[in-house]
Amino acid sequence: MELITGIFNDLFYRPLFNILIFFYNIIPGHDFGIAIILITLFIRLILFPLSKKGIKSRKAMEGFQPKIKEIQKKYKDNKEEQSRQMMNFYKENKINPASGCLPILIQFPVLIALYRAFRAVINPSSLSVLYPFIKNPGAINAFFLGIVDLSLPNSFLAILAGLLQFVQSKIMFKESSSRAQSKDKKMNIQKSMGRQMTYFMPIITVFIALKLPAGLPLYWVITTLFGIGEYLLVNRKIIKTT
C-alpha cells in the first residue's frame, strides 16, 4: 500500500501541487482561484489529444452501429467468433472502443491529487513537498477574487458544477440520439441508461461538491466548460470533413 501511495504522490500529487503553487506565485495578487483555473486549463490542454481521439472514436462508433449490430446478430450464438469479428472490424476501420474512456480514467487520480492539494494549501507544512526550483510562498491565501474561500464548501460553485455537467450531458446525448433515431426509432437499453445518467450524475455531483472544498467544484466548473467547447469544436470539424 505504501508503494502505491508513493507512486501516486510522485506521479500525480506532488507534480500537480507544485504546478498549482507555481501558478499561484506568478499571478499578480496571488489569487488562488485563478491558479486553479490555470492548472485546470493546463491539464485539459495536455489531455486534449486523448480527448479529441476519444470524441472521434465515439462518433465513428455511432456511424458504424448498423454494421456492429449486424455482426452481433450474425454471430449471436458464437460469442468467441463474435468477439473476433468485432476486433477485426475495429482494426479495419481504425477504431479503438476504449479510447473514449482513457481521459475519464485519468481524471480520477487527477481529481484525488487536486483534492489533496486544495486541502493541503491551508497547512503551511504541506509546502515542504515543493521542488527546489519552486518558490515557497510561505502561506497560501485560499480566496478567489477576494470573495470565495476555496478551502471551504461553497453551494453556488457546487450547483454550478452540476448544472454545467447537465448541459454537457444534454449536448452529447442530443447529438448521439439524433443520429440513432434516423436509423432506429426504438430506444435501446444503452440510450435509456444514457438519458438517466444525464439527470442522475449532475445531482450526485452537486451532492458531493457541497461537502468538498470549493476549489474542487471550481476545477470541475472550468474543466466542464472546456469539455463542452472541446466537444463542439471537434464535432464541428468532423462534420466539415464528412
C-alpha atoms as a PDB file:
ATOM      1  CA  MET A   1       0.000   0.000   0.000  1.00  0.00           C
ATOM      2  CA  GLU A   2       2.866   2.345   0.826  1.00  0.00           C
ATOM      3  CA  LEU A   3       4.381   1.635  -2.575  1.00  0.00           C
ATOM      4  CA  ILE A   4       1.123   2.561  -4.352  1.00  0.00           C
ATOM      5  CA  THR A   5       0.810   5.730  -2.247  1.00  0.00           C
ATOM      6  CA  GLY A   6       4.400   6.664  -3.060  1.00  0.00           C
ATOM      7  CA  ILE A   7       3.857   6.158  -6.795  1.00  0.00           C
ATOM      8  CA  PHE A   8       0.633   8.196  -6.677  1.00  0.00           C
ATOM      9  CA  ASN A   9       2.383  11.017  -4.846  1.00  0.00           C
ATOM     10  CA  ASP A  10       5.309  11.077  -7.268  1.00  0.00           C
ATOM     11  CA  LEU A  11       3.209  10.821 -10.454  1.00  0.00           C
ATOM     12  CA  PHE A  12       0.183  12.945  -9.557  1.00  0.00           C
ATOM     13  CA  TYR A  13       0.007  14.727  -6.215  1.00  0.00           C
ATOM     14  CA  ARG A  14       3.436  16.320  -5.957  1.00  0.00           C
ATOM     15  CA  PRO A  15       3.697  17.458  -9.630  1.00  0.00           C
ATOM     16  CA  LEU A  16       0.174  18.939  -9.592  1.00  0.00           C
ATOM     17  CA  PHE A  17       0.747  20.597  -6.221  1.00  0.00           C
ATOM     18  CA  ASN A  18       3.971  22.180  -7.496  1.00  0.00           C
ATOM     19  CA  ILE A  19       2.324  23.393 -10.716  1.00  0.00           C
ATOM     20  CA  LEU A  20      -0.516  24.874  -8.655  1.00  0.00           C
ATOM     21  CA  ILE A  21       1.921  26.774  -6.421  1.00  0.00           C
ATOM     22  CA  PHE A  22       3.912  27.885  -9.477  1.00  0.00           C
ATOM     23  CA  PHE A  23       0.786  29.464 -10.975  1.00  0.00           C
ATOM     24  CA  TYR A  24      -0.096  30.949  -7.586  1.00  0.00           C
ATOM     25  CA  ASN A  25       3.342  32.569  -7.383  1.00  0.00           C
ATOM     26  CA  ILE A  26       3.260  34.191 -10.829  1.00  0.00           C
ATOM     27  CA  ILE A  27      -0.294  35.579 -10.622  1.00  0.00           C
ATOM     28  CA  PRO A  28      -0.406  39.250  -9.618  1.00  0.00           C
ATOM     29  CA  GLY A  29      -2.109  39.444  -6.243  1.00  0.00           C
ATOM     30  CA  HIS A  30      -1.640  35.686  -5.702  1.00  0.00           C
ATOM     31  CA  ASP A  31      -5.244  34.688  -6.408  1.00  0.00           C
ATOM     32  CA  PHE A  32      -5.682  31.009  -5.576  1.00  0.00           C
ATOM     33  CA  GLY A  33      -8.861  30.725  -7.674  1.00  0.00           C
ATOM     34  CA  ILE A  34      -7.095  31.949 -10.811  1.00  0.00           C
ATOM     35  CA  ALA A  35      -4.275  29.486 -10.072  1.00  0.00           C
ATOM     36  CA  ILE A  36      -6.868  26.690 -10.050  1.00  0.00           C
ATOM     37  CA  ILE A  37      -8.297  27.927 -13.368  1.00  0.00           C
ATOM     38  CA  LEU A  38      -4.818  27.954 -14.915  1.00  0.00           C
ATOM     39  CA  ILE A  39      -3.923  24.465 -13.705  1.00  0.00           C
ATOM     40  CA  THR A  40      -7.292  23.207 -14.978  1.00  0.00           C
ATOM     41  CA  LEU A  41      -6.618  24.613 -18.451  1.00  0.00           C
ATOM     42  CA  PHE A  42      -3.078  23.196 -18.268  1.00  0.00           C
ATOM     43  CA  ILE A  43      -4.413  19.700 -17.526  1.00  0.00           C
ATOM     44  CA  ARG A  44      -7.110  19.895 -20.211  1.00  0.00           C
ATOM     45  CA  LEU A  45      -4.632  21.039 -22.856  1.00  0.00           C
ATOM     46  CA  ILE A  46      -2.352  18.110 -22.030  1.00  0.00           C
ATOM     47  CA  LEU A  47      -5.296  15.701 -22.279  1.00  0.00           C
ATOM     48  CA  PHE A  48      -6.702  17.345 -25.417  1.00  0.00           C
ATOM     49  CA  PRO A  49      -5.124  14.881 -27.907  1.00  0.00           C
ATOM     50  CA  LEU A  50      -6.616  11.949 -25.966  1.00  0.00           C
ATOM     51  CA  SER A  51      -9.994  13.667 -25.618  1.00  0.00           C
ATOM     52  CA  LYS A  52     -10.053  14.555 -29.306  1.00  0.00           C
ATOM     53  CA  LYS A  53      -9.274  10.968 -30.240  1.00  0.00           C
ATOM     54  CA  GLY A  54     -11.996   9.743 -27.873  1.00  0.00           C
ATOM     55  CA  ILE A  55     -14.625  12.070 -29.378  1.00  0.00           C
ATOM     56  CA  LYS A  56     -13.724  10.958 -32.893  1.00  0.00           C
ATOM     57  CA  SER A  57     -13.867   7.310 -31.827  1.00  0.00           C
ATOM     58  CA  ARG A  58     -17.346   7.748 -30.296  1.00  0.00           C
ATOM     59  CA  LYS A  59     -18.575   9.467 -33.462  1.00  0.00           C
ATOM     60  CA  ALA A  60     -17.165   6.666 -35.583  1.00  0.00           C
ATOM     61  CA  MET A  61     -18.833   4.077 -33.349  1.00  0.00           C
ATOM     62  CA  GLU A  62     -22.187   5.830 -33.830  1.00  0.00           C
ATOM     63  CA  GLY A  63     -21.787   5.752 -37.602  1.00  0.00           C
ATOM     64  CA  PHE A  64     -20.873   2.064 -37.591  1.00  0.00           C
ATOM     65  CA  GLN A  65     -23.721   0.942 -35.309  1.00  0.00           C
ATOM     66  CA  PRO A  66     -25.686  -0.805 -38.121  1.00  0.00           C
ATOM     67  CA  LYS A  67     -22.620  -2.862 -39.077  1.00  0.00           C
ATOM     68  CA  ILE A  68     -21.826  -3.643 -35.444  1.00  0.00           C
ATOM     69  CA  LYS A  69     -25.406  -4.824 -34.837  1.00  0.00           C
ATOM     70  CA  GLU A  70     -25.180  -6.934 -37.972  1.00  0.00           C
ATOM     71  CA  ILE A  71     -22.058  -8.689 -36.676  1.00  0.00           C
ATOM     72  CA  GLN A  72     -23.615  -9.180 -33.240  1.00  0.00           C
ATOM     73  CA  LYS A  73     -26.749 -10.684 -34.777  1.00  0.00           C
ATOM     74  CA  LYS A  74     -24.862 -12.906 -37.209  1.00  0.00           C
ATOM     75  CA  TYR A  75     -22.651 -14.428 -34.511  1.00  0.00           C
ATOM     76  CA  LYS A  76     -25.040 -14.231 -31.563  1.00  0.00           C
ATOM     77  CA  ASP A  77     -24.697 -17.979 -30.945  1.00  0.00           C
ATOM     78  CA  ASN A  78     -20.896 -17.908 -31.045  1.00  0.00           C
ATOM     79  CA  LYS A  79     -19.566 -15.288 -28.640  1.00  0.00           C
ATOM     80  CA  GLU A  80     -15.940 -16.139 -29.300  1.00  0.00           C
ATOM     81  CA  GLU A  81     -16.306 -15.650 -33.058  1.00  0.00           C
ATOM     82  CA  GLN A  82     -18.395 -12.544 -32.457  1.00  0.00           C
ATOM     83  CA  SER A  83     -15.562 -11.016 -30.399  1.00  0.00           C
ATOM     84  CA  ARG A  84     -13.039 -11.962 -33.082  1.00  0.00           C
ATOM     85  CA  GLN A  85     -15.130 -10.408 -35.842  1.00  0.00           C
ATOM     86  CA  MET A  86     -15.703  -7.259 -33.781  1.00  0.00           C
ATOM     87  CA  MET A  87     -11.965  -6.868 -33.159  1.00  0.00           C
ATOM     88  CA  ASN A  88     -11.257  -7.328 -36.870  1.00  0.00           C
ATOM     89  CA  PHE A  89     -13.920  -4.733 -37.697  1.00  0.00           C
ATOM     90  CA  TYR A  90     -12.421  -2.229 -35.243  1.00  0.00           C
ATOM     91  CA  LYS A  91      -8.946  -2.869 -36.619  1.00  0.00           C
ATOM     92  CA  GLU A  92     -10.010  -2.477 -40.263  1.00  0.00           C
ATOM     93  CA  ASN A  93     -11.770   0.811 -39.514  1.00  0.00           C
ATOM     94  CA  LYS A  94      -9.064   2.065 -37.121  1.00  0.00           C
ATOM     95  CA  ILE A  95     -11.452   2.325 -34.175  1.00  0.00           C
ATOM     96  CA  ASN A  96     -10.382   1.997 -30.555  1.00  0.00           C
ATOM     97  CA  PRO A  97     -13.530   1.495 -28.429  1.00  0.00           C
ATOM     98  CA  ALA A  98     -11.562   2.170 -25.231  1.00  0.00           C
ATOM     99  CA  SER A  99     -10.075   5.485 -26.381  1.00  0.00           C
ATOM    100  CA  GLY A 100     -13.067   7.451 -25.114  1.00  0.00           C
ATOM    101  CA  CYS A 101     -12.606   6.039 -21.599  1.00  0.00           C
ATOM    102  CA  LEU A 102      -8.914   6.909 -21.165  1.00  0.00           C
ATOM    103  CA  PRO A 103      -9.317  10.667 -20.489  1.00  0.00           C
ATOM    104  CA  ILE A 104     -12.073   9.863 -17.976  1.00  0.00           C
ATOM    105  CA  LEU A 105      -9.892   7.287 -16.200  1.00  0.00           C
ATOM    106  CA  ILE A 106      -7.002   9.762 -15.989  1.00  0.00           C
ATOM    107  CA  GLN A 107      -9.342  12.330 -14.434  1.00  0.00           C
ATOM    108  CA  PHE A 108      -9.882  10.186 -11.324  1.00  0.00           C
ATOM    109  CA  PRO A 109      -6.287  10.255  -9.964  1.00  0.00           C
ATOM    110  CA  VAL A 110      -6.066  13.918 -11.024  1.00  0.00           C
ATOM    111  CA  LEU A 111      -9.199  14.726  -9.003  1.00  0.00           C
ATOM    112  CA  ILE A 112      -7.853  12.888  -5.962  1.00  0.00           C
ATOM    113  CA  ALA A 113      -4.493  14.655  -6.266  1.00  0.00           C
ATOM    114  CA  LEU A 114      -6.141  18.065  -6.623  1.00  0.00           C
ATOM    115  CA  TYR A 115      -8.430  17.343  -3.678  1.00  0.00           C
ATOM    116  CA  ARG A 116      -5.361  16.655  -1.554  1.00  0.00           C
ATOM    117  CA  ALA A 117      -3.645  19.753  -2.942  1.00  0.00           C
ATOM    118  CA  PHE A 118      -6.603  22.036  -2.194  1.00  0.00           C
ATOM    119  CA  ARG A 119      -6.774  20.723   1.368  1.00  0.00           C
ATOM    120  CA  ALA A 120      -3.022  20.946   1.825  1.00  0.00           C
ATOM    121  CA  VAL A 121      -2.691  24.631   0.897  1.00  0.00           C
ATOM    122  CA  ILE A 122      -4.269  25.709   4.187  1.00  0.00           C
ATOM    123  CA  ASN A 123      -1.466  23.901   6.026  1.00  0.00           C
ATOM    124  CA  PRO A 124       1.921  25.686   5.646  1.00  0.00           C
ATOM    125  CA  SER A 125       3.802  22.451   6.455  1.00  0.00           C
ATOM    126  CA  SER A 126       2.485  20.937   3.203  1.00  0.00           C
ATOM    127  CA  LEU A 127       4.695  23.331   1.256  1.00  0.00           C
ATOM    128  CA  SER A 128       7.654  21.147   2.203  1.00  0.00           C
ATOM    129  CA  VAL A 129       6.867  18.932  -0.825  1.00  0.00           C
ATOM    130  CA  LEU A 130       7.718  21.773  -3.227  1.00  0.00           C
ATOM    131  CA  TYR A 131      10.524  21.165  -5.698  1.00  0.00           C
ATOM    132  CA  PRO A 132      13.700  23.191  -5.050  1.00  0.00           C
ATOM    133  CA  PHE A 133      13.051  25.379  -8.122  1.00  0.00           C
ATOM    134  CA  ILE A 134       9.511  26.321  -6.998  1.00  0.00           C
ATOM    135  CA  LYS A 135       9.417  29.360  -4.717  1.00  0.00           C
ATOM    136  CA  ASN A 136       7.851  28.732  -1.325  1.00  0.00           C
ATOM    137  CA  PRO A 137       5.214  31.458  -0.787  1.00  0.00           C
ATOM    138  CA  GLY A 138       5.213  30.786   2.961  1.00  0.00           C
ATOM    139  CA  ALA A 139       1.416  30.776   3.159  1.00  0.00           C
ATOM    140  CA  ILE A 140      -1.494  30.485   0.734  1.00  0.00           C
ATOM    141  CA  ASN A 141      -4.420  32.890   0.570  1.00  0.00           C
ATOM    142  CA  ALA A 142      -7.223  30.485  -0.390  1.00  0.00           C
ATOM    143  CA  PHE A 143      -9.623  33.186  -1.617  1.00  0.00           C
ATOM    144  CA  PHE A 144     -10.894  33.593  -5.185  1.00  0.00           C
ATOM    145  CA  LEU A 145     -11.256  37.234  -6.274  1.00  0.00           C
ATOM    146  CA  GLY A 146     -11.130  38.137  -2.587  1.00  0.00           C
ATOM    147  CA  ILE A 147     -14.689  36.810  -2.143  1.00  0.00           C
ATOM    148  CA  VAL A 148     -14.906  32.995  -2.131  1.00  0.00           C
ATOM    149  CA  ASP A 149     -12.891  30.961   0.366  1.00  0.00           C
ATOM    150  CA  LEU A 150     -11.896  27.945  -1.708  1.00  0.00           C
ATOM    151  CA  SER A 151     -10.811  25.956   1.332  1.00  0.00           C
ATOM    152  CA  LEU A 152     -14.455  25.724   2.444  1.00  0.00           C
ATOM    153  CA  PRO A 153     -17.547  24.245   0.720  1.00  0.00           C
ATOM    154  CA  ASN A 154     -19.496  26.675  -1.479  1.00  0.00           C
ATOM    155  CA  SER A 155     -23.082  25.942  -2.527  1.00  0.00           C
ATOM    156  CA  PHE A 156     -23.028  28.263  -5.558  1.00  0.00           C
ATOM    157  CA  LEU A 157     -19.998  26.552  -7.153  1.00  0.00           C
ATOM    158  CA  ALA A 158     -21.401  23.120  -6.260  1.00  0.00           C
ATOM    159  CA  ILE A 159     -24.716  23.828  -8.006  1.00  0.00           C
ATOM    160  CA  LEU A 160     -22.953  25.461 -10.968  1.00  0.00           C
ATOM    161  CA  ALA A 161     -20.766  22.364 -11.383  1.00  0.00           C
ATOM    162  CA  GLY A 162     -23.880  20.182 -11.505  1.00  0.00           C
ATOM    163  CA  LEU A 163     -25.711  22.452 -13.948  1.00  0.00           C
ATOM    164  CA  LEU A 164     -22.776  22.564 -16.353  1.00  0.00           C
ATOM    165  CA  GLN A 165     -22.397  18.790 -16.209  1.00  0.00           C
ATOM    166  CA  PHE A 166     -26.092  18.532 -17.085  1.00  0.00           C
ATOM    167  CA  VAL A 167     -25.608  20.886 -20.056  1.00  0.00           C
ATOM    168  CA  GLN A 168     -22.599  18.878 -21.235  1.00  0.00           C
ATOM    169  CA  SER A 169     -24.514  15.594 -20.973  1.00  0.00           C
ATOM    170  CA  LYS A 170     -27.524  17.026 -22.810  1.00  0.00           C
ATOM    171  CA  ILE A 171     -25.349  18.277 -25.671  1.00  0.00           C
ATOM    172  CA  MET A 172     -23.585  14.940 -26.086  1.00  0.00           C
ATOM    173  CA  PHE A 173     -26.734  12.849 -25.636  1.00  0.00           C
ATOM    174  CA  LYS A 174     -28.709  15.014 -28.078  1.00  0.00           C
ATOM    175  CA  GLU A 175     -26.016  14.537 -30.732  1.00  0.00           C
ATOM    176  CA  SER A 176     -25.880  10.764 -30.341  1.00  0.00           C
ATOM    177  CA  SER A 177     -29.633  10.201 -30.004  1.00  0.00           C
ATOM    178  CA  SER A 178     -30.477  12.325 -33.042  1.00  0.00           C
ATOM    179  CA  ARG A 179     -28.137  10.229 -35.158  1.00  0.00           C
ATOM    180  CA  ALA A 180     -29.505   6.993 -33.761  1.00  0.00           C
ATOM    181  CA  GLN A 181     -33.139   7.952 -34.308  1.00  0.00           C
ATOM    182  CA  SER A 182     -32.634   8.309 -38.042  1.00  0.00           C
ATOM    183  CA  LYS A 183     -31.758   4.607 -38.191  1.00  0.00           C
ATOM    184  CA  ASP A 184     -33.583   3.020 -35.249  1.00  0.00           C
ATOM    185  CA  LYS A 185     -36.543   4.625 -33.550  1.00  0.00           C
ATOM    186  CA  LYS A 186     -36.711   2.060 -30.747  1.00  0.00           C
ATOM    187  CA  MET A 187     -34.959   3.238 -27.606  1.00  0.00           C
ATOM    188  CA  ASN A 188     -32.479   0.540 -26.590  1.00  0.00           C
ATOM    189  CA  ILE A 189     -31.135  -0.068 -23.102  1.00  0.00           C
ATOM    190  CA  GLN A 190     -27.947   1.887 -23.690  1.00  0.00           C
ATOM    191  CA  LYS A 191     -29.791   5.041 -24.739  1.00  0.00           C
ATOM    192  CA  SER A 192     -32.178   4.696 -21.817  1.00  0.00           C
ATOM    193  CA  MET A 193     -29.281   4.459 -19.367  1.00  0.00           C
ATOM    194  CA  GLY A 194     -27.607   7.426 -21.036  1.00  0.00           C
ATOM    195  CA  ARG A 195     -30.718   9.540 -20.543  1.00  0.00           C
ATOM    196  CA  GLN A 196     -30.966   8.527 -16.882  1.00  0.00           C
ATOM    197  CA  MET A 197     -27.303   9.366 -16.284  1.00  0.00           C
ATOM    198  CA  THR A 198     -27.873  12.796 -17.856  1.00  0.00           C
ATOM    199  CA  TYR A 199     -30.125  13.677 -14.928  1.00  0.00           C
ATOM    200  CA  PHE A 200     -28.653  11.457 -12.217  1.00  0.00           C
ATOM    201  CA  MET A 201     -24.933  12.325 -12.392  1.00  0.00           C
ATOM    202  CA  PRO A 202     -25.350  16.129 -12.056  1.00  0.00           C
ATOM    203  CA  ILE A 203     -27.370  15.562  -8.869  1.00  0.00           C
ATOM    204  CA  ILE A 204     -24.626  13.312  -7.492  1.00  0.00           C
ATOM    205  CA  THR A 205     -22.033  15.928  -8.475  1.00  0.00           C
ATOM    206  CA  VAL A 206     -23.872  18.664  -6.561  1.00  0.00           C
ATOM    207  CA  PHE A 207     -24.354  16.408  -3.534  1.00  0.00           C
ATOM    208  CA  ILE A 208     -20.631  15.544  -3.385  1.00  0.00           C
ATOM    209  CA  ALA A 209     -19.404  19.063  -4.235  1.00  0.00           C
ATOM    210  CA  LEU A 210     -21.427  20.540  -1.366  1.00  0.00           C
ATOM    211  CA  LYS A 211     -19.173  18.644   1.040  1.00  0.00           C
ATOM    212  CA  LEU A 212     -15.823  19.426  -0.626  1.00  0.00           C
ATOM    213  CA  PRO A 213     -13.534  22.465  -0.504  1.00  0.00           C
ATOM    214  CA  ALA A 214     -14.797  24.929  -3.126  1.00  0.00           C
ATOM    215  CA  GLY A 215     -11.530  24.639  -5.055  1.00  0.00           C
ATOM    216  CA  LEU A 216     -12.622  21.261  -6.412  1.00  0.00           C
ATOM    217  CA  PRO A 217     -16.042  22.410  -7.713  1.00  0.00           C
ATOM    218  CA  LEU A 218     -14.260  25.384  -9.294  1.00  0.00           C
ATOM    219  CA  TYR A 219     -11.940  22.937 -11.047  1.00  0.00           C
ATOM    220  CA  TRP A 220     -14.975  20.898 -12.184  1.00  0.00           C
ATOM    221  CA  VAL A 221     -16.738  24.025 -13.489  1.00  0.00           C
ATOM    222  CA  ILE A 222     -13.734  25.028 -15.604  1.00  0.00           C
ATOM    223  CA  THR A 223     -12.965  21.518 -16.857  1.00  0.00           C
ATOM    224  CA  THR A 224     -16.632  21.012 -17.836  1.00  0.00           C
ATOM    225  CA  LEU A 225     -16.734  24.339 -19.701  1.00  0.00           C
ATOM    226  CA  PHE A 226     -13.545  23.325 -21.507  1.00  0.00           C
ATOM    227  CA  GLY A 227     -15.058  19.907 -22.265  1.00  0.00           C
ATOM    228  CA  ILE A 228     -18.186  21.469 -23.779  1.00  0.00           C
ATOM    229  CA  GLY A 229     -16.129  23.770 -26.003  1.00  0.00           C
ATOM    230  CA  GLU A 230     -13.794  20.913 -26.922  1.00  0.00           C
ATOM    231  CA  TYR A 231     -16.690  18.651 -27.916  1.00  0.00           C
ATOM    232  CA  LEU A 232     -18.405  21.310 -30.034  1.00  0.00           C
ATOM    233  CA  LEU A 233     -15.118  22.241 -31.744  1.00  0.00           C
ATOM    234  CA  VAL A 234     -14.077  18.678 -32.585  1.00  0.00           C
ATOM    235  CA  ASN A 235     -17.624  17.762 -33.627  1.00  0.00           C
ATOM    236  CA  ARG A 236     -17.794  20.761 -35.980  1.00  0.00           C
ATOM    237  CA  LYS A 237     -14.508  19.719 -37.605  1.00  0.00           C
ATOM    238  CA  ILE A 238     -15.773  16.149 -38.023  1.00  0.00           C
ATOM    239  CA  ILE A 239     -18.952  17.411 -39.735  1.00  0.00           C
ATOM    240  CA  LYS A 240     -16.912  19.615 -42.100  1.00  0.00           C
ATOM    241  CA  THR A 241     -14.710  16.713 -43.172  1.00  0.00           C
ATOM    242  CA  THR A 242     -17.586  14.278 -43.781  1.00  0.00           C
END
